[in-house]
C-alpha cells in the first residue's frame, strides 16, 4: 500500500501496523499533536476525493471503500494516510509526496 515515503516514517509506521496500535498510540509514537481524523462516510474526505483524478489516491480510495477510518497528516513534502478498523486499530497506511 505504499506509494512513496521517507524511510524514517515507514520504519515508524510499520511496527505500529504490525501490533495494530490504537489511534492514541499511533499519535503518540509519531509525535502528532495535530492531525485530521475521518470517520466512515465523512463528507469532507469524499469531497476531496471527488475533486481528484480517479487515478490518484488509490490506496486511500480502497480504504474508504472498505469503510476504514482515516488519520491524516501532512508536511511540506509528504502526505501520510493511516487506515484504522472499526475498533480504531491501525491496519494499513499510504504515503505520497507533494
Protein backbone atom coordinates (compact mmCIF):
# COMPACT_ATOMS: atom_id res chain seq x y z
CA UNK A 1 0.00 0.00 0.00
CA UNK A 2 3.00 2.32 -0.02
CA UNK A 3 3.16 4.91 -2.78
CA UNK A 4 6.20 6.87 -1.65
CA UNK A 5 7.56 7.89 1.69
CA UNK A 6 10.61 8.74 3.63
CA UNK A 7 12.23 5.67 5.17
CA UNK A 8 12.12 7.15 8.66
CA UNK A 9 8.34 7.42 8.52
CA UNK A 10 7.97 3.92 7.11
CA UNK A 11 10.16 2.48 9.85
CA UNK A 12 7.98 4.21 12.45
CA UNK A 13 4.63 3.16 10.97
CA UNK A 14 5.26 -0.49 10.06
CA UNK A 15 5.70 -1.70 13.68
CA UNK A 16 2.53 0.17 14.64
CA UNK A 17 0.60 -1.65 11.90
CA UNK A 18 2.09 -4.98 12.96
CA UNK A 19 0.83 -4.53 16.52
CA UNK A 20 -2.48 -2.96 15.43
CA UNK A 21 -1.80 0.12 17.54
CA UNK A 22 -4.67 2.29 18.70
CA UNK A 23 -5.29 5.77 17.38
CA UNK A 24 -3.83 7.29 20.56
CA UNK A 25 -0.76 5.03 20.48
CA UNK A 26 -0.13 5.99 16.86
CA UNK A 27 -0.42 9.72 17.51
CA UNK A 28 1.95 9.45 20.49
CA UNK A 29 4.51 7.29 18.67
CA UNK A 30 4.59 9.61 15.66
CA UNK A 31 4.54 12.76 17.75
CA UNK A 32 1.40 14.02 16.05
CA UNK A 33 -0.35 16.64 18.13
CA UNK A 34 -2.42 17.84 15.18
CA UNK A 35 -3.92 15.58 12.55
CA UNK A 36 -7.21 15.10 10.74
CA UNK A 37 -9.43 12.16 11.67
CA UNK A 38 -12.03 10.96 9.18
CA UNK A 39 -14.85 8.68 10.27
CA UNK A 40 -16.64 6.34 7.88
CA UNK A 41 -18.72 8.32 5.37
CA UNK A 42 -17.00 11.63 6.08
CA UNK A 43 -18.25 14.20 3.56
CA UNK A 44 -15.06 16.28 3.57
CA UNK A 45 -12.95 13.28 2.60
CA UNK A 46 -15.49 12.26 -0.05
CA UNK A 47 -15.46 15.80 -1.47
CA UNK A 48 -11.66 15.81 -1.54
CA UNK A 49 -11.53 12.51 -3.42
CA UNK A 50 -14.26 13.72 -5.76
CA UNK A 51 -12.05 16.61 -6.87
CA UNK A 52 -9.08 14.36 -7.60
CA UNK A 53 -8.44 12.15 -10.60
CA UNK A 54 -9.66 8.57 -10.10
CA UNK A 55 -6.04 7.51 -10.67
CA UNK A 56 -4.90 9.50 -7.64
CA UNK A 57 -5.02 8.17 -4.07
CA UNK A 58 -5.87 4.56 -4.97
CA UNK A 59 -4.89 3.11 -1.55
CA UNK A 60 -6.95 5.80 0.17
CA UNK A 61 -9.92 5.16 -2.11
CA UNK A 62 -9.71 1.42 -1.37
CA UNK A 63 -9.59 2.08 2.38
CA UNK A 64 -12.60 4.41 2.20
CA UNK A 65 -14.46 1.83 0.11
CA UNK A 66 -13.71 -0.78 2.79
CA UNK A 67 -15.15 1.51 5.48
CA UNK A 68 -11.86 2.34 7.15
CA UNK A 69 -11.38 5.30 9.45
CA UNK A 70 -8.52 7.52 8.34
CA UNK A 71 -5.91 9.53 10.22
CA UNK A 72 -4.21 12.13 8.01
CA UNK A 73 -1.16 14.29 8.47
CA UNK A 74 0.80 16.33 6.00
CA UNK A 75 4.14 18.06 5.86
CA UNK A 76 5.62 20.23 3.14
CA UNK A 77 6.90 17.09 1.42
CA UNK A 78 4.67 14.17 2.34
CA UNK A 79 1.07 13.18 2.99
CA UNK A 80 0.54 10.34 5.45
CA UNK A 81 -2.74 8.39 5.39
CA UNK A 82 -3.25 5.80 8.13
CA UNK A 83 -6.14 3.34 7.98
CA UNK A 84 -7.98 2.01 11.04
CA UNK A 85 -10.57 -0.70 11.60
CA UNK A 86 -13.87 -0.39 13.48
CA UNK A 87 -12.08 -0.58 16.82
CA UNK A 88 -9.67 2.24 15.88
CA UNK A 89 -6.73 -0.11 15.44
CA UNK A 90 -4.16 0.62 12.73
CA UNK A 91 -4.42 -1.83 9.82
CA UNK A 92 -2.72 -0.08 6.90
CA UNK A 93 -1.17 3.05 5.51
CA UNK A 94 -0.24 5.00 2.42
CA UNK A 95 2.23 7.80 1.82
CA UNK A 96 2.58 10.16 -1.09
CA UNK A 97 4.82 13.06 -1.86
CA UNK A 98 3.59 16.53 -2.62
